[in-house]
Amino acid sequence: MHELALTENIIAGVAERVEGARVTRVVLQIGKLSGVVPEAVRFCFDVCAAGTALEGASLEIVEIPARAICRSCKSTIELSDMIALCSCGSANLRMLSGNELRVKEVEVL
């Protein structure tokens, strides 16, 4: 489960930046096609946060839809997986969103 290692790294990075302040809330953005399972991150968060400045913090996960623009017809489409075609039949797509894994907000006391 790579989500455990990702969660450990997120917590370590946030803890380093808050320099000892107590974190009360973390907001993560996770793209639908990022390969990261939001529920697995949620499951790992409390365990990984124990003994750090993030212990007891709430975790909010915002899932970012996967969107692309068709290079052929310029339509913007929403993707359900990486194997996608535009309604015009083209597979020549440029990703706009959906690959994110980002700490969007951190609340501290």
PDB file of N, CA and C in Angstrom:
ATOM      1  N   MET A   1       0.855  -1.176   0.000  1.00  0.00           N
ATOM      2  CA  MET A   1       0.000   0.000   0.000  1.00  0.00           C
ATOM      3  C   MET A   1       0.900   1.237   0.000  1.00  0.00           C
ATOM      4  N   HIS A   2       1.052   1.875  -1.147  1.00  0.00           N
ATOM      5  CA  HIS A   2       1.908   3.055  -1.218  1.00  0.00           C
ATOM      6  C   HIS A   2       1.286   4.257  -0.521  1.00  0.00           C
ATOM      7  N   GLU A   3      -0.007   4.208  -0.225  1.00  0.00           N
ATOM      8  CA  GLU A   3      -0.661   5.316   0.482  1.00  0.00           C
ATOM      9  C   GLU A   3      -0.065   5.520   1.869  1.00  0.00           C
ATOM     10  N   LEU A   4       0.408   4.447   2.506  1.00  0.00           N
ATOM     11  CA  LEU A   4       1.043   4.580   3.822  1.00  0.00           C
ATOM     12  C   LEU A   4       2.293   5.448   3.711  1.00  0.00           C
ATOM     13  N   ALA A   5       3.151   5.158   2.749  1.00  0.00           N
ATOM     14  CA  ALA A   5       4.369   5.954   2.555  1.00  0.00           C
ATOM     15  C   ALA A   5       4.029   7.390   2.153  1.00  0.00           C
ATOM     16  N   LEU A   6       3.038   7.568   1.299  1.00  0.00           N
ATOM     17  CA  LEU A   6       2.625   8.920   0.907  1.00  0.00           C
ATOM     18  C   LEU A   6       2.123   9.709   2.110  1.00  0.00           C
ATOM     19  N   THR A   7       1.298   9.065   2.927  1.00  0.00           N
ATOM     20  CA  THR A   7       0.748   9.737   4.106  1.00  0.00           C
ATOM     21  C   THR A   7       1.858  10.095   5.085  1.00  0.00           C
ATOM     22  N   GLU A   8       2.799   9.193   5.291  1.00  0.00           N
ATOM     23  CA  GLU A   8       3.948   9.492   6.165  1.00  0.00           C
ATOM     24  C   GLU A   8       4.709  10.706   5.650  1.00  0.00           C
ATOM     25  N   ASN A   9       4.935  10.772   4.342  1.00  0.00           N
ATOM     26  CA  ASN A   9       5.669  11.901   3.758  1.00  0.00           C
ATOM     27  C   ASN A   9       4.890  13.205   3.851  1.00  0.00           C
ATOM     28  N   ILE A  10       3.583  13.153   3.647  1.00  0.00           N
ATOM     29  CA  ILE A  10       2.750  14.350   3.776  1.00  0.00           C
ATOM     30  C   ILE A  10       2.819  14.873   5.203  1.00  0.00           C
ATOM     31  N   ILE A  11       2.653  13.984   6.171  1.00  0.00           N
ATOM     32  CA  ILE A  11       2.684  14.390   7.581  1.00  0.00           C
ATOM     33  C   ILE A  11       4.051  14.940   7.962  1.00  0.00           C
ATOM     34  N   ALA A  12       5.104  14.295   7.521  1.00  0.00           N
ATOM     35  CA  ALA A  12       6.458  14.784   7.821  1.00  0.00           C
ATOM     36  C   ALA A  12       6.681  16.169   7.212  1.00  0.00           C
ATOM     37  N   GLY A  13       6.230  16.373   5.979  1.00  0.00           N
ATOM     38  CA  GLY A  13       6.403  17.673   5.323  1.00  0.00           C
ATOM     39  C   GLY A  13       5.620  18.776   6.004  1.00  0.00           C
ATOM     40  N   VAL A  14       4.376  18.480   6.379  1.00  0.00           N
ATOM     41  CA  VAL A  14       3.571  19.489   7.071  1.00  0.00           C
ATOM     42  C   VAL A  14       4.175  19.791   8.438  1.00  0.00           C
ATOM     43  N   ALA A  15       4.549  18.759   9.181  1.00  0.00           N
ATOM     44  CA  ALA A  15       5.128  18.953  10.519  1.00  0.00           C
ATOM     45  C   ALA A  15       6.396  19.803  10.453  1.00  0.00           C
ATOM     46  N   GLU A  16       7.199  19.583   9.443  1.00  0.00           N
ATOM     47  CA  GLU A  16       8.434  20.361   9.280  1.00  0.00           C
ATOM     48  C   GLU A  16       8.132  21.839   9.032  1.00  0.00           C
ATOM     49  N   ARG A  17       7.115  22.108   8.248  1.00  0.00           N
ATOM     50  CA  ARG A  17       6.799  23.499   7.895  1.00  0.00           C
ATOM     51  C   ARG A  17       6.083  24.276   9.000  1.00  0.00           C
ATOM     52  N   VAL A  18       5.360  23.582   9.883  1.00  0.00           N
ATOM     53  CA  VAL A  18       4.650  24.302  10.947  1.00  0.00           C
ATOM     54  C   VAL A  18       5.530  24.542  12.161  1.00  0.00           C
ATOM     55  N   GLU A  19       6.723  23.999  12.158  1.00  0.00           N
ATOM     56  CA  GLU A  19       7.740  24.240  13.187  1.00  0.00           C
ATOM     57  C   GLU A  19       7.200  24.115  14.610  1.00  0.00           C
ATOM     58  N   GLY A  20       6.508  22.994  14.893  1.00  0.00           N
ATOM     59  CA  GLY A  20       6.068  22.722  16.253  1.00  0.00           C
ATOM     60  C   GLY A  20       4.680  23.204  16.610  1.00  0.00           C
ATOM     61  N   ALA A  21       4.064  24.031  15.772  1.00  0.00           N
ATOM     62  CA  ALA A  21       2.686  24.468  16.037  1.00  0.00           C
ATOM     63  C   ALA A  21       1.758  23.269  15.924  1.00  0.00           C
ATOM     64  N   ARG A  22       0.663  23.286  16.670  1.00  0.00           N
ATOM     65  CA  ARG A  22      -0.297  22.188  16.635  1.00  0.00           C
ATOM     66  C   ARG A  22      -1.206  22.353  15.419  1.00  0.00           C
ATOM     67  N   VAL A  23      -1.279  21.319  14.609  1.00  0.00           N
ATOM     68  CA  VAL A  23      -2.119  21.320  13.407  1.00  0.00           C
ATOM     69  C   VAL A  23      -3.499  20.787  13.787  1.00  0.00           C
ATOM     70  N   THR A  24      -4.544  21.515  13.379  1.00  0.00           N
ATOM     71  CA  THR A  24      -5.907  21.086  13.691  1.00  0.00           C
ATOM     72  C   THR A  24      -6.658  20.538  12.481  1.00  0.00           C
ATOM     73  N   ARG A  25      -6.204  20.912  11.278  1.00  0.00           N
ATOM     74  CA  ARG A  25      -6.899  20.451  10.070  1.00  0.00           C
ATOM     75  C   ARG A  25      -5.948  20.466   8.889  1.00  0.00           C
ATOM     76  N   VAL A  26      -6.084  19.443   8.050  1.00  0.00           N
ATOM     77  CA  VAL A  26      -5.314  19.349   6.812  1.00  0.00           C
ATOM     78  C   VAL A  26      -6.298  19.072   5.682  1.00  0.00           C
ATOM     79  N   VAL A  27      -6.147  19.814   4.587  1.00  0.00           N
ATOM     80  CA  VAL A  27      -6.977  19.595   3.407  1.00  0.00           C
ATOM     81  C   VAL A  27      -6.060  19.107   2.284  1.00  0.00           C
ATOM     82  N   LEU A  28      -6.363  17.926   1.772  1.00  0.00           N
ATOM     83  CA  LEU A  28      -5.611  17.348   0.652  1.00  0.00           C
ATOM     84  C   LEU A  28      -6.470  17.359  -0.598  1.00  0.00           C
ATOM     85  N   GLN A  29      -5.834  17.619  -1.723  1.00  0.00           N
ATOM     86  CA  GLN A  29      -6.483  17.454  -3.015  1.00  0.00           C
ATOM     87  C   GLN A  29      -5.902  16.202  -3.650  1.00  0.00           C
ATOM     88  N   ILE A  30      -6.784  15.291  -4.038  1.00  0.00           N
ATOM     89  CA  ILE A  30      -6.345  14.045  -4.669  1.00  0.00           C
ATOM     90  C   ILE A  30      -7.090  13.888  -5.981  1.00  0.00           C
ATOM     91  N   GLY A  31      -6.346  13.830  -7.067  1.00  0.00           N
ATOM     92  CA  GLY A  31      -6.938  13.667  -8.389  1.00  0.00           C
ATOM     93  C   GLY A  31      -7.475  12.266  -8.600  1.00  0.00           C
ATOM     94  N   LYS A  32      -8.565  12.173  -9.334  1.00  0.00           N
ATOM     95  CA  LYS A  32      -9.224  10.882  -9.602  1.00  0.00           C
ATOM     96  C   LYS A  32      -8.296   9.889 -10.287  1.00  0.00           C
ATOM     97  N   LEU A  33      -7.353  10.363 -11.083  1.00  0.00           N
ATOM     98  CA  LEU A  33      -6.447   9.469 -11.803  1.00  0.00           C
ATOM     99  C   LEU A  33      -5.029   9.504 -11.253  1.00  0.00           C
ATOM    100  N   SER A  34      -4.865   9.957 -10.016  1.00  0.00           N
ATOM    101  CA  SER A  34      -3.537  10.071  -9.411  1.00  0.00           C
ATOM    102  C   SER A  34      -2.961   8.722  -8.996  1.00  0.00           C
ATOM    103  N   GLY A  35      -3.802   7.707  -8.898  1.00  0.00           N
ATOM    104  CA  GLY A  35      -3.340   6.409  -8.416  1.00  0.00           C
ATOM    105  C   GLY A  35      -3.350   6.323  -6.904  1.00  0.00           C
ATOM    106  N   VAL A  36      -3.848   7.357  -6.235  1.00  0.00           N
ATOM    107  CA  VAL A  36      -3.912   7.396  -4.776  1.00  0.00           C
ATOM    108  C   VAL A  36      -5.356   7.147  -4.357  1.00  0.00           C
ATOM    109  N   VAL A  37      -5.547   6.205  -3.439  1.00  0.00           N
ATOM    110  CA  VAL A  37      -6.887   5.858  -2.962  1.00  0.00           C
ATOM    111  C   VAL A  37      -7.203   6.711  -1.729  1.00  0.00           C
ATOM    112  N   PRO A  38      -8.144   7.659  -1.861  1.00  0.00           N
ATOM    113  CA  PRO A  38      -8.443   8.562  -0.747  1.00  0.00           C
ATOM    114  C   PRO A  38      -8.787   7.842   0.559  1.00  0.00           C
ATOM    115  N   GLU A  39      -9.551   6.780   0.497  1.00  0.00           N
ATOM    116  CA  GLU A  39      -9.927   6.068   1.727  1.00  0.00           C
ATOM    117  C   GLU A  39      -8.715   5.433   2.397  1.00  0.00           C
ATOM    118  N   ALA A  40      -7.736   5.000   1.616  1.00  0.00           N
ATOM    119  CA  ALA A  40      -6.521   4.433   2.195  1.00  0.00           C
ATOM    120  C   ALA A  40      -5.706   5.518   2.905  1.00  0.00           C
ATOM    121  N   VAL A  41      -5.639   6.708   2.320  1.00  0.00           N
ATOM    122  CA  VAL A  41      -4.949   7.830   2.971  1.00  0.00           C
ATOM    123  C   VAL A  41      -5.660   8.188   4.270  1.00  0.00           C
ATOM    124  N   ARG A  42      -6.986   8.236   4.218  1.00  0.00           N
ATOM    125  CA  ARG A  42      -7.777   8.541   5.413  1.00  0.00           C
ATOM    126  C   ARG A  42      -7.511   7.504   6.514  1.00  0.00           C
ATOM    127  N   PHE A  43      -7.442   6.237   6.127  1.00  0.00           N
ATOM    128  CA  PHE A  43      -7.188   5.155   7.075  1.00  0.00           C
ATOM    129  C   PHE A  43      -5.810   5.304   7.726  1.00  0.00           C
ATOM    130  N   CYS A  44      -4.814   5.703   6.946  1.00  0.00           N
ATOM    131  CA  CYS A  44      -3.428   5.810   7.435  1.00  0.00           C
ATOM    132  C   CYS A  44      -3.174   7.086   8.234  1.00  0.00           C
ATOM    133  N   PHE A  45      -3.971   8.115   8.025  1.00  0.00           N
ATOM    134  CA  PHE A  45      -3.664   9.442   8.543  1.00  0.00           C
ATOM    135  C   PHE A  45      -3.496   9.464  10.068  1.00  0.00           C
ATOM    136  N   ASP A  46      -4.456   8.963  10.815  1.00  0.00           N
ATOM    137  CA  ASP A  46      -4.374   9.030  12.284  1.00  0.00           C
ATOM    138  C   ASP A  46      -3.192   8.248  12.831  1.00  0.00           C
ATOM    139  N   VAL A  47      -2.927   7.089  12.243  1.00  0.00           N
ATOM    140  CA  VAL A  47      -1.804   6.267  12.692  1.00  0.00           C
ATOM    141  C   VAL A  47      -0.483   6.985  12.426  1.00  0.00           C
ATOM    142  N   CYS A  48      -0.340   7.559  11.251  1.00  0.00           N
ATOM    143  CA  CYS A  48       0.896   8.249  10.886  1.00  0.00           C
ATOM    144  C   CYS A  48       1.079   9.560  11.653  1.00  0.00           C
ATOM    145  N   ALA A  49      -0.032  10.184  12.037  1.00  0.00           N
ATOM    146  CA  ALA A  49       0.037  11.470  12.733  1.00  0.00           C
ATOM    147  C   ALA A  49       0.350  11.320  14.218  1.00  0.00           C
ATOM    148  N   ALA A  50       0.178  10.125  14.772  1.00  0.00           N
ATOM    149  CA  ALA A  50       0.416   9.914  16.208  1.00  0.00           C
ATOM    150  C   ALA A  50       1.832  10.349  16.587  1.00  0.00           C
ATOM    151  N   GLY A  51       1.914  11.156  17.652  1.00  0.00           N
ATOM    152  CA  GLY A  51       3.207  11.614  18.144  1.00  0.00           C
ATOM    153  C   GLY A  51       3.806  12.778  17.372  1.00  0.00           C
ATOM    154  N   THR A  52       3.045  13.357  16.431  1.00  0.00           N
ATOM    155  CA  THR A  52       3.537  14.498  15.656  1.00  0.00           C
ATOM    156  C   THR A  52       2.663  15.715  15.944  1.00  0.00           C
ATOM    157  N   ALA A  53       3.010  16.833  15.336  1.00  0.00           N
ATOM    158  CA  ALA A  53       2.214  18.060  15.476  1.00  0.00           C
ATOM    159  C   ALA A  53       0.828  17.914  14.850  1.00  0.00           C
ATOM    160  N   LEU A  54       0.620  16.848  14.088  1.00  0.00           N
ATOM    161  CA  LEU A  54      -0.663  16.622  13.429  1.00  0.00           C
ATOM    162  C   LEU A  54      -1.572  15.664  14.200  1.00  0.00           C
ATOM    163  N   GLU A  55      -1.112  15.170  15.330  1.00  0.00           N
ATOM    164  CA  GLU A  55      -1.932  14.232  16.096  1.00  0.00           C
ATOM    165  C   GLU A  55      -3.261  14.890  16.478  1.00  0.00           C
ATOM    166  N   GLY A  56      -4.360  14.222  16.180  1.00  0.00           N
ATOM    167  CA  GLY A  56      -5.688  14.744  16.475  1.00  0.00           C
ATOM    168  C   GLY A  56      -6.254  15.667  15.411  1.00  0.00           C
ATOM    169  N   ALA A  57      -5.475  15.989  14.397  1.00  0.00           N
ATOM    170  CA  ALA A  57      -5.952  16.884  13.331  1.00  0.00           C
ATOM    171  C   ALA A  57      -7.003  16.178  12.484  1.00  0.00           C
ATOM    172  N   SER A  58      -7.928  16.960  11.962  1.00  0.00           N
ATOM    173  CA  SER A  58      -8.904  16.388  11.039  1.00  0.00           C
ATOM    174  C   SER A  58      -8.320  16.415   9.629  1.00  0.00           C
ATOM    175  N   LEU A  59      -8.752  15.464   8.832  1.00  0.00           N
ATOM    176  CA  LEU A  59      -8.297  15.364   7.453  1.00  0.00           C
ATOM    177  C   LEU A  59      -9.495  15.535   6.531  1.00  0.00           C
ATOM    178  N   GLU A  60      -9.393  16.484   5.629  1.00  0.00           N
ATOM    179  CA  GLU A  60     -10.421  16.686   4.605  1.00  0.00           C
ATOM    180  C   GLU A  60      -9.790  16.360   3.262  1.00  0.00           C
ATOM    181  N   ILE A  61     -10.445  15.512   2.509  1.00  0.00           N
ATOM    182  CA  ILE A  61      -9.937  15.141   1.185  1.00  0.00           C
ATOM    183  C   ILE A  61     -10.903  15.649   0.130  1.00  0.00           C
ATOM    184  N   VAL A  62     -10.363  16.429  -0.804  1.00  0.00           N
ATOM    185  CA  VAL A  62     -11.138  16.947  -1.931  1.00  0.00           C
ATOM    186  C   VAL A  62     -10.676  16.174  -3.159  1.00  0.00           C
ATOM    187  N   GLU A  63     -11.597  15.433  -3.763  1.00  0.00           N
ATOM    188  CA  GLU A  63     -11.254  14.674  -4.961  1.00  0.00           C
ATOM    189  C   GLU A  63     -11.429  15.559  -6.193  1.00  0.00           C
ATOM    190  N   ILE A  64     -10.377  15.640  -6.984  1.00  0.00           N
ATOM    191  CA  ILE A  64     -10.360  16.485  -8.181  1.00  0.00           C
ATOM    192  C   ILE A  64     -10.735  15.622  -9.384  1.00  0.00           C
ATOM    193  N   PRO A  65     -11.769  16.013 -10.120  1.00  0.00           N
ATOM    194  CA  PRO A  65     -12.153  15.227 -11.298  1.00  0.00           C
ATOM    195  C   PRO A  65     -11.059  15.260 -12.363  1.00  0.00           C
ATOM    196  N   ALA A  66     -11.013  14.199 -13.132  1.00  0.00           N
ATOM    197  CA  ALA A  66     -10.050  14.122 -14.232  1.00  0.00           C
ATOM    198  C   ALA A  66     -10.675  14.763 -15.462  1.00  0.00           C
ATOM    199  N   ARG A  67      -9.983  15.756 -15.992  1.00  0.00           N
ATOM    200  CA  ARG A  67     -10.464  16.478 -17.169  1.00  0.00           C
ATOM    201  C   ARG A  67      -9.338  16.598 -18.178  1.00  0.00           C
ATOM    202  N   ALA A  68      -9.719  16.619 -19.432  1.00  0.00           N
ATOM    203  CA  ALA A  68      -8.736  16.767 -20.513  1.00  0.00           C
ATOM    204  C   ALA A  68      -9.341  17.611 -21.611  1.00  0.00           C
ATOM    205  N   ILE A  69      -8.461  18.158 -22.446  1.00  0.00           N
ATOM    206  CA  ILE A  69      -8.910  18.893 -23.632  1.00  0.00           C
ATOM    207  C   ILE A  69      -8.468  18.092 -24.856  1.00  0.00           C
ATOM    208  N   CYS A  70      -9.367  17.987 -25.793  1.00  0.00           N
ATOM    209  CA  CYS A  70      -9.071  17.270 -27.032  1.00  0.00           C
ATOM    210  C   CYS A  70      -8.251  18.185 -27.939  1.00  0.00           C
ATOM    211  N   ARG A  71      -7.121  17.701 -28.383  1.00  0.00           N
ATOM    212  CA  ARG A  71      -6.269  18.510 -29.257  1.00  0.00           C
ATOM    213  C   ARG A  71      -6.837  18.600 -30.677  1.00  0.00           C
ATOM    214  N   SER A  72      -7.761  17.710 -30.998  1.00  0.00           N
ATOM    215  CA  SER A  72      -8.347  17.716 -32.343  1.00  0.00           C
ATOM    216  C   SER A  72      -9.507  18.696 -32.457  1.00  0.00           C
ATOM    217  N   CYS A  73     -10.491  18.579 -31.543  1.00  0.00           N
ATOM    218  CA  CYS A  73     -11.690  19.414 -31.660  1.00  0.00           C
ATOM    219  C   CYS A  73     -11.795  20.491 -30.583  1.00  0.00           C
ATOM    220  N   LYS A  74     -10.844  20.501 -29.637  1.00  0.00           N
ATOM    221  CA  LYS A  74     -10.765  21.509 -28.566  1.00  0.00           C
ATOM    222  C   LYS A  74     -11.863  21.375 -27.503  1.00  0.00           C
ATOM    223  N   SER A  75     -12.597  20.266 -27.496  1.00  0.00           N
ATOM    224  CA  SER A  75     -13.603  20.022 -26.460  1.00  0.00           C
ATOM    225  C   SER A  75     -12.921  19.661 -25.149  1.00  0.00           C
ATOM    226  N   THR A  76     -13.543  20.047 -24.052  1.00  0.00           N
ATOM    227  CA  THR A  76     -13.086  19.642 -22.729  1.00  0.00           C
ATOM    228  C   THR A  76     -13.972  18.479 -22.278  1.00  0.00           C
ATOM    229  N   ILE A  77     -13.323  17.400 -21.838  1.00  0.00           N
ATOM    230  CA  ILE A  77     -14.082  16.217 -21.428  1.00  0.00           C
ATOM    231  C   ILE A  77     -13.648  15.771 -20.041  1.00  0.00           C
ATOM    232  N   GLU A  78     -14.562  15.077 -19.360  1.00  0.00           N
ATOM    233  CA  GLU A  78     -14.243  14.477 -18.067  1.00  0.00           C
ATOM    234  C   GLU A  78     -13.883  13.019 -18.317  1.00  0.00           C
ATOM    235  N   LEU A  79     -12.818  12.563 -17.642  1.00  0.00           N
ATOM    236  CA  LEU A  79     -12.323  11.206 -17.841  1.00  0.00           C
ATOM    237  C   LEU A  79     -12.667  10.328 -16.651  1.00  0.00           C
ATOM    238  N   SER A  80     -12.994   9.080 -16.931  1.00  0.00           N
ATOM    239  CA  SER A  80     -13.218   8.122 -15.839  1.00  0.00           C
ATOM    240  C   SER A  80     -11.999   7.223 -15.655  1.00  0.00           C
ATOM    241  N   ASP A  81     -11.151   7.137 -16.676  1.00  0.00           N
ATOM    242  CA  ASP A  81      -9.889   6.395 -16.566  1.00  0.00           C
ATOM    243  C   ASP A  81      -8.919   6.932 -17.612  1.00  0.00           C
ATOM    244  N   MET A  82      -7.713   6.398 -17.606  1.00  0.00           N
ATOM    245  CA  MET A  82      -6.672   6.908 -18.504  1.00  0.00           C
ATOM    246  C   MET A  82      -6.868   6.486 -19.964  1.00  0.00           C
ATOM    247  N   ILE A  83      -7.708   5.502 -20.197  1.00  0.00           N
ATOM    248  CA  ILE A  83      -7.978   5.073 -21.565  1.00  0.00           C
ATOM    249  C   ILE A  83      -9.252   5.781 -21.993  1.00  0.00           C
ATOM    250  N   ALA A  84      -9.089   6.867 -22.739  1.00  0.00           N
ATOM    251  CA  ALA A  84     -10.242   7.706 -23.034  1.00  0.00           C
ATOM    252  C   ALA A  84     -10.210   8.193 -24.476  1.00  0.00           C
ATOM    253  N   LEU A  85     -11.396   8.430 -24.968  1.00  0.00           N
ATOM    254  CA  LEU A  85     -11.573   9.020 -26.284  1.00  0.00           C
ATOM    255  C   LEU A  85     -12.523  10.202 -26.161  1.00  0.00           C
ATOM    256  N   CYS A  86     -12.281  11.212 -26.951  1.00  0.00           N
ATOM    257  CA  CYS A  86     -13.209  12.328 -27.054  1.00  0.00           C
ATOM    258  C   CYS A  86     -14.429  11.854 -27.847  1.00  0.00           C
ATOM    259  N   SER A  87     -15.530  12.567 -27.733  1.00  0.00           N
ATOM    260  CA  SER A  87     -16.722  12.206 -28.504  1.00  0.00           C
ATOM    261  C   SER A  87     -16.482  12.330 -30.010  1.00  0.00           C
ATOM    262  N   CYS A  88     -15.440  13.083 -30.407  1.00  0.00           N
ATOM    263  CA  CYS A  88     -15.102  13.181 -31.838  1.00  0.00           C
ATOM    264  C   CYS A  88     -14.311  11.963 -32.319  1.00  0.00           C
ATOM    265  N   GLY A  89     -13.924  11.081 -31.370  1.00  0.00           N
ATOM    266  CA  GLY A  89     -13.191   9.868 -31.727  1.00  0.00           C
ATOM    267  C   GLY A  89     -11.690   9.968 -31.519  1.00  0.00           C
ATOM    268  N   SER A  90     -11.192  11.136 -31.198  1.00  0.00           N
ATOM    269  CA  SER A  90      -9.754  11.337 -31.020  1.00  0.00           C
ATOM    270  C   SER A  90      -9.280  10.872 -29.640  1.00  0.00           C
ATOM    271  N   ALA A  91      -8.092  10.298 -29.628  1.00  0.00           N
ATOM    272  CA  ALA A  91      -7.437   9.943 -28.372  1.00  0.00           C
ATOM    273  C   ALA A  91      -6.316  10.930 -28.055  1.00  0.00           C
ATOM    274  N   ASN A  92      -6.210  11.977 -28.844  1.00  0.00           N
ATOM    275  CA  ASN A  92      -5.161  12.986 -28.676  1.00  0.00           C
ATOM    276  C   ASN A  92      -5.624  14.014 -27.638  1.00  0.00           C
ATOM    277  N   LEU A  93      -5.461  13.662 -26.363  1.00  0.00           N
ATOM    278  CA  LEU A  93      -5.959  14.468 -25.255  1.00  0.00           C
ATOM    279  C   LEU A  93      -4.814  15.039 -24.431  1.00  0.00           C
ATOM    280  N   ARG A  94      -5.025  16.223 -23.887  1.00  0.00           N
ATOM    281  CA  ARG A  94      -4.063  16.836 -22.958  1.00  0.00           C
ATOM    282  C   ARG A  94      -4.758  16.956 -21.605  1.00  0.00           C
ATOM    283  N   MET A  95      -4.149  16.349 -20.594  1.00  0.00           N
ATOM    284  CA  MET A  95      -4.711  16.365 -19.246  1.00  0.00           C
ATOM    285  C   MET A  95      -4.738  17.787 -18.694  1.00  0.00           C
ATOM    286  N   LEU A  96      -5.863  18.139 -18.095  1.00  0.00           N
ATOM    287  CA  LEU A  96      -6.006  19.430 -17.424  1.00  0.00           C
ATOM    288  C   LEU A  96      -5.985  19.257 -15.910  1.00  0.00           C
ATOM    289  N   SER A  97      -6.595  18.174 -15.440  1.00  0.00           N
ATOM    290  CA  SER A  97      -6.634  17.908 -14.002  1.00  0.00           C
ATOM    291  C   SER A  97      -6.902  16.430 -13.781  1.00  0.00           C
ATOM    292  N   GLY A  98      -6.623  16.000 -12.548  1.00  0.00           N
ATOM    293  CA  GLY A  98      -6.902  14.624 -12.178  1.00  0.00           C
ATOM    294  C   GLY A  98      -5.688  13.854 -11.708  1.00  0.00           C
ATOM    295  N   ASN A  99      -4.488  14.421 -11.870  1.00  0.00           N
ATOM    296  CA  ASN A  99      -3.262  13.759 -11.420  1.00  0.00           C
ATOM    297  C   ASN A  99      -2.733  14.329 -10.105  1.00  0.00           C
ATOM    298  N   GLU A 100      -3.457  15.257  -9.504  1.00  0.00           N
ATOM    299  CA  GLU A 100      -2.960  15.995  -8.342  1.00  0.00           C
ATOM    300  C   GLU A 100      -2.848  15.127  -7.085  1.00  0.00           C
ATOM    301  N   LEU A 101      -1.878  15.464  -6.291  1.00  0.00           N
ATOM    302  CA  LEU A 101      -1.783  15.068  -4.889  1.00  0.00           C
ATOM    303  C   LEU A 101      -1.127  16.264  -4.215  1.00  0.00           C
ATOM    304  N   ARG A 102      -1.956  17.072  -3.554  1.00  0.00           N
ATOM    305  CA  ARG A 102      -1.482  18.370  -3.068  1.00  0.00           C
ATOM    306  C   ARG A 102      -2.051  18.665  -1.688  1.00  0.00           C
ATOM    307  N   VAL A 103      -1.189  19.211  -0.822  1.00  0.00           N
ATOM    308  CA  VAL A 103      -1.673  19.765   0.449  1.00  0.00           C
ATOM    309  C   VAL A 103      -2.209  21.140   0.119  1.00  0.00           C
ATOM    310  N   LYS A 104      -3.515  21.293   0.231  1.00  0.00           N
ATOM    311  CA  LYS A 104      -4.161  22.556  -0.149  1.00  0.00           C
ATOM    312  C   LYS A 104      -4.195  23.546   1.010  1.00  0.00           C
ATOM    313  N   GLU A 105      -4.506  23.054   2.222  1.00  0.00           N
ATOM    314  CA  GLU A 105      -4.607  23.929   3.385  1.00  0.00           C
ATOM    315  C   GLU A 105      -4.119  23.201   4.628  1.00  0.00           C
ATOM    316  N   VAL A 106      -3.582  23.988   5.556  1.00  0.00           N
ATOM    317  CA  VAL A 106      -3.209  23.490   6.886  1.00  0.00           C
ATOM    318  C   VAL A 106      -3.657  24.536   7.893  1.00  0.00           C
ATOM    319  N   GLU A 107      -4.430  24.106   8.886  1.00  0.00           N
ATOM    320  CA  GLU A 107      -4.849  25.001   9.972  1.00  0.00           C
ATOM    321  C   GLU A 107      -4.018  24.684  11.205  1.00  0.00           C
ATOM    322  N   VAL A 108      -3.497  25.718  11.834  1.00  0.00           N
ATOM    323  CA  VAL A 108      -2.699  25.540  13.045  1.00  0.00           C
ATOM    324  C   VAL A 108      -3.264  26.405  14.165  1.00  0.00           C
ATOM    325  N   LEU A 109      -2.917  26.021  15.395  1.00  0.00           N
ATOM    326  CA  LEU A 109      -3.302  26.827  16.562  1.00  0.00           C
ATOM    327  C   LEU A 109      -2.207  27.812  16.874  1.00  0.00           C
TER     328      LEU A 109
END
